[in-house]
C-alpha atoms as a PDB file:
ATOM      1  CA  UNK A   1    -122.553 116.522 224.285  1.00  0.00           C
ATOM      2  CA  UNK A   2    -121.108 118.867 226.479  1.00  0.00           C
ATOM      3  CA  UNK A   3    -120.391 117.174 230.063  1.00  0.00           C
ATOM      4  CA  UNK A   4    -119.784 118.703 233.170  1.00  0.00           C
ATOM      5  CA  UNK A   5    -117.770 116.044 235.851  1.00  0.00           C
ATOM      6  CA  UNK A   6    -118.244 117.038 239.375  1.00  0.00           C
ATOM      7  CA  UNK A   7    -115.854 115.451 241.822  1.00  0.00           C
ATOM      8  CA  UNK A   8    -113.652 116.639 245.028  1.00  0.00           C
ATOM      9  CA  UNK A   9    -111.331 114.367 243.909  1.00  0.00           C
ATOM     10  CA  UNK A  10    -108.506 116.164 240.826  1.00  0.00           C
ATOM     11  CA  UNK A  11    -107.364 112.648 239.783  1.00  0.00           C
ATOM     12  CA  UNK A  12    -110.966 110.962 239.907  1.00  0.00           C
ATOM     13  CA  UNK A  13    -112.510 114.377 237.891  1.00  0.00           C
ATOM     14  CA  UNK A  14    -109.838 114.264 235.326  1.00  0.00           C
ATOM     15  CA  UNK A  15    -109.804 110.770 234.257  1.00  0.00           C
ATOM     16  CA  UNK A  16    -113.790 110.366 234.180  1.00  0.00           C
ATOM     17  CA  UNK A  17    -113.206 113.702 231.624  1.00  0.00           C
ATOM     18  CA  UNK A  18    -110.715 112.227 229.794  1.00  0.00           C
ATOM     19  CA  UNK A  19    -112.714 109.138 229.001  1.00  0.00           C
ATOM     20  CA  UNK A  20    -115.653 110.574 228.540  1.00  0.00           C
ATOM     21  CA  UNK A  21    -113.456 112.975 225.440  1.00  0.00           C
ATOM     22  CA  UNK A  22    -112.441 109.725 224.104  1.00  0.00           C
ATOM     23  CA  UNK A  23    -115.742 108.616 223.287  1.00  0.00           C
ATOM     24  CA  UNK A  24    -115.977 112.261 221.583  1.00  0.00           C
ATOM     25  CA  UNK A  25    -117.849 114.176 224.042  1.00  0.00           C
ATOM     26  CA  UNK A  26    -116.337 117.682 225.218  1.00  0.00           C
ATOM     27  CA  UNK A  27    -116.352 117.453 229.054  1.00  0.00           C
ATOM     28  CA  UNK A  28    -115.021 120.256 231.853  1.00  0.00           C
ATOM     29  CA  UNK A  29    -114.617 119.959 235.798  1.00  0.00           C
ATOM     30  CA  UNK A  30    -115.376 120.967 238.741  1.00  0.00           C
ATOM     31  CA  UNK A  31    -113.635 120.683 242.003  1.00  0.00           C
ATOM     32  CA  UNK A  32    -116.857 120.977 244.289  1.00  0.00           C
ATOM     33  CA  UNK A  33    -120.634 121.405 244.525  1.00  0.00           C
ATOM     34  CA  UNK A  34    -120.309 125.051 244.169  1.00  0.00           C
ATOM     35  CA  UNK A  35    -117.980 125.592 241.753  1.00  0.00           C
ATOM     36  CA  UNK A  36    -120.493 122.967 239.640  1.00  0.00           C
ATOM     37  CA  UNK A  37    -123.698 125.135 240.112  1.00  0.00           C
ATOM     38  CA  UNK A  38    -121.575 128.169 239.263  1.00  0.00           C
ATOM     39  CA  UNK A  39    -120.858 125.988 235.890  1.00  0.00           C
ATOM     40  CA  UNK A  40    -124.096 125.146 235.489  1.00  0.00           C
ATOM     41  CA  UNK A  41    -125.172 128.779 235.479  1.00  0.00           C
ATOM     42  CA  UNK A  42    -122.935 130.027 233.277  1.00  0.00           C
ATOM     43  CA  UNK A  43    -123.290 127.704 230.672  1.00  0.00           C
ATOM     44  CA  UNK A  44    -125.556 124.379 230.943  1.00  0.00           C
ATOM     45  CA  UNK A  45    -123.528 121.112 230.222  1.00  0.00           C
ATOM     46  CA  UNK A  46    -125.998 118.653 228.351  1.00  0.00           C
ATOM     47  CA  UNK A  47    -125.283 116.363 231.309  1.00  0.00           C
ATOM     48  CA  UNK A  48    -123.681 116.398 234.764  1.00  0.00           C
ATOM     49  CA  UNK A  49    -121.849 113.098 236.172  1.00  0.00           C
ATOM     50  CA  UNK A  50    -121.521 113.819 239.969  1.00  0.00           C
ATOM     51  CA  UNK A  51    -120.071 112.410 242.778  1.00  0.00           C
ATOM     52  CA  UNK A  52    -121.882 112.034 245.812  1.00  0.00           C
ATOM     53  CA  UNK A  53    -119.473 112.259 248.663  1.00  0.00           C
ATOM     54  CA  UNK A  54    -117.910 116.267 248.924  1.00  0.00           C
ATOM     55  CA  UNK A  55    -117.082 118.146 251.467  1.00  0.00           C
ATOM     56  CA  UNK A  56    -119.153 121.453 251.789  1.00  0.00           C
ATOM     57  CA  UNK A  57    -122.393 120.959 249.544  1.00  0.00           C
ATOM     58  CA  UNK A  58    -122.502 116.529 249.028  1.00  0.00           C
ATOM     59  CA  UNK A  59    -123.854 115.141 245.771  1.00  0.00           C
ATOM     60  CA  UNK A  60    -127.276 114.896 246.949  1.00  0.00           C
ATOM     61  CA  UNK A  61    -127.880 118.384 248.243  1.00  0.00           C
ATOM     62  CA  UNK A  62    -126.069 120.121 244.583  1.00  0.00           C
ATOM     63  CA  UNK A  63    -128.593 117.564 242.986  1.00  0.00           C
ATOM     64  CA  UNK A  64    -131.518 119.198 245.390  1.00  0.00           C
ATOM     65  CA  UNK A  65    -129.772 122.576 244.021  1.00  0.00           C
ATOM     66  CA  UNK A  66    -129.511 121.356 240.084  1.00  0.00           C
ATOM     67  CA  UNK A  67    -133.182 120.543 240.292  1.00  0.00           C
ATOM     68  CA  UNK A  68    -133.899 123.547 241.368  1.00  0.00           C
ATOM     69  CA  UNK A  69    -132.439 125.905 238.583  1.00  0.00           C
ATOM     70  CA  UNK A  70    -132.415 122.956 235.986  1.00  0.00           C
ATOM     71  CA  UNK A  71    -135.054 120.675 236.286  1.00  0.00           C
ATOM     72  CA  UNK A  72    -134.402 118.488 233.106  1.00  0.00           C
ATOM     73  CA  UNK A  73    -130.307 118.546 233.375  1.00  0.00           C
ATOM     74  CA  UNK A  74    -129.848 114.857 233.132  1.00  0.00           C
ATOM     75  CA  UNK A  75    -127.467 114.211 236.258  1.00  0.00           C
ATOM     76  CA  UNK A  76    -125.770 110.837 236.497  1.00  0.00           C
ATOM     77  CA  UNK A  77    -124.557 110.010 239.855  1.00  0.00           C
ATOM     78  CA  UNK A  78    -120.952 108.664 240.228  1.00  0.00           C
ATOM     79  CA  UNK A  79    -119.186 107.463 243.482  1.00  0.00           C
ATOM     80  CA  UNK A  80    -117.907 104.635 245.225  1.00  0.00           C
ATOM     81  CA  UNK A  81    -119.658 105.357 248.559  1.00  0.00           C
ATOM     82  CA  UNK A  82    -123.324 105.953 247.728  1.00  0.00           C
ATOM     83  CA  UNK A  83    -125.956 104.420 250.478  1.00  0.00           C
ATOM     84  CA  UNK A  84    -129.015 103.240 249.392  1.00  0.00           C
ATOM     85  CA  UNK A  85    -131.050 105.691 250.960  1.00  0.00           C
ATOM     86  CA  UNK A  86    -128.586 108.232 249.145  1.00  0.00           C
ATOM     87  CA  UNK A  87    -129.869 106.438 246.456  1.00  0.00           C
ATOM     88  CA  UNK A  88    -133.376 106.357 247.086  1.00  0.00           C
ATOM     89  CA  UNK A  89    -133.174 110.472 247.827  1.00  0.00           C
ATOM     90  CA  UNK A  90    -131.345 111.095 244.956  1.00  0.00           C
ATOM     91  CA  UNK A  91    -134.243 109.082 242.825  1.00  0.00           C
ATOM     92  CA  UNK A  92    -136.831 110.878 244.279  1.00  0.00           C
ATOM     93  CA  UNK A  93    -135.009 114.099 243.211  1.00  0.00           C
ATOM     94  CA  UNK A  94    -134.969 112.660 239.351  1.00  0.00           C
ATOM     95  CA  UNK A  95    -131.217 111.597 239.039  1.00  0.00           C
ATOM     96  CA  UNK A  96    -130.872 109.745 235.819  1.00  0.00           C
ATOM     97  CA  UNK A  97    -128.399 107.258 236.497  1.00  0.00           C
ATOM     98  CA  UNK A  98    -126.328 105.669 239.365  1.00  0.00           C
ATOM     99  CA  UNK A  99    -122.787 104.608 238.809  1.00  0.00           C
ATOM    100  CA  UNK A 100    -120.888 103.006 241.276  1.00  0.00           C
ATOM    101  CA  UNK A 101    -117.076 103.537 240.939  1.00  0.00           C
ATOM    102  CA  UNK A 102    -115.330 102.199 239.772  1.00  0.00           C
ATOM    103  CA  UNK A 103    -117.181 102.021 236.918  1.00  0.00           C
ATOM    104  CA  UNK A 104    -116.576 100.218 233.830  1.00  0.00           C
ATOM    105  CA  UNK A 105    -115.665 103.440 231.268  1.00  0.00           C
ATOM    106  CA  UNK A 106    -118.434 101.537 228.866  1.00  0.00           C
ATOM    107  CA  UNK A 107    -121.003 102.350 231.731  1.00  0.00           C
ATOM    108  CA  UNK A 108    -120.451 105.870 231.046  1.00  0.00           C
ATOM    109  CA  UNK A 109    -121.686 105.665 226.760  1.00  0.00           C
ATOM    110  CA  UNK A 110    -124.146 103.601 228.000  1.00  0.00           C
ATOM    111  CA  UNK A 111    -125.790 105.655 230.385  1.00  0.00           C
ATOM    112  CA  UNK A 112    -125.477 108.714 228.316  1.00  0.00           C
ATOM    113  CA  UNK A 113    -126.899 107.293 225.417  1.00  0.00           C
ATOM    114  CA  UNK A 114    -130.372 106.771 227.668  1.00  0.00           C
ATOM    115  CA  UNK A 115    -129.891 110.781 227.979  1.00  0.00           C
ATOM    116  CA  UNK A 116    -128.535 111.754 224.549  1.00  0.00           C
ATOM    117  CA  UNK A 117    -130.816 114.265 222.893  1.00  0.00           C
ATOM    118  CA  UNK A 118    -132.506 113.414 219.720  1.00  0.00           C
END
């Protein structure tokens, strides 16, 4: 699968991308919601790992904009500081899954197994 990782912390984004690549996926990174939306338009991935707390467009607004453009694109929230309200809004927007940082790497594979195209 081609997976886009959107996270404003470069180290976190690179580690997530490396783990996904070690699991056999092609991963690429965006450092902001704006950059992620641009990359999605240029060539949609099969799934997105999305941080919630980011400067500029936060993860929830990024999810909202992804849904406007690509309503069926699987999006997995990955955040260390997500609130119950944010999770509720994300679920209303059709988020695929929510993982809490630091998530065990096996959780990445489990989340992707639920969205893998058949």
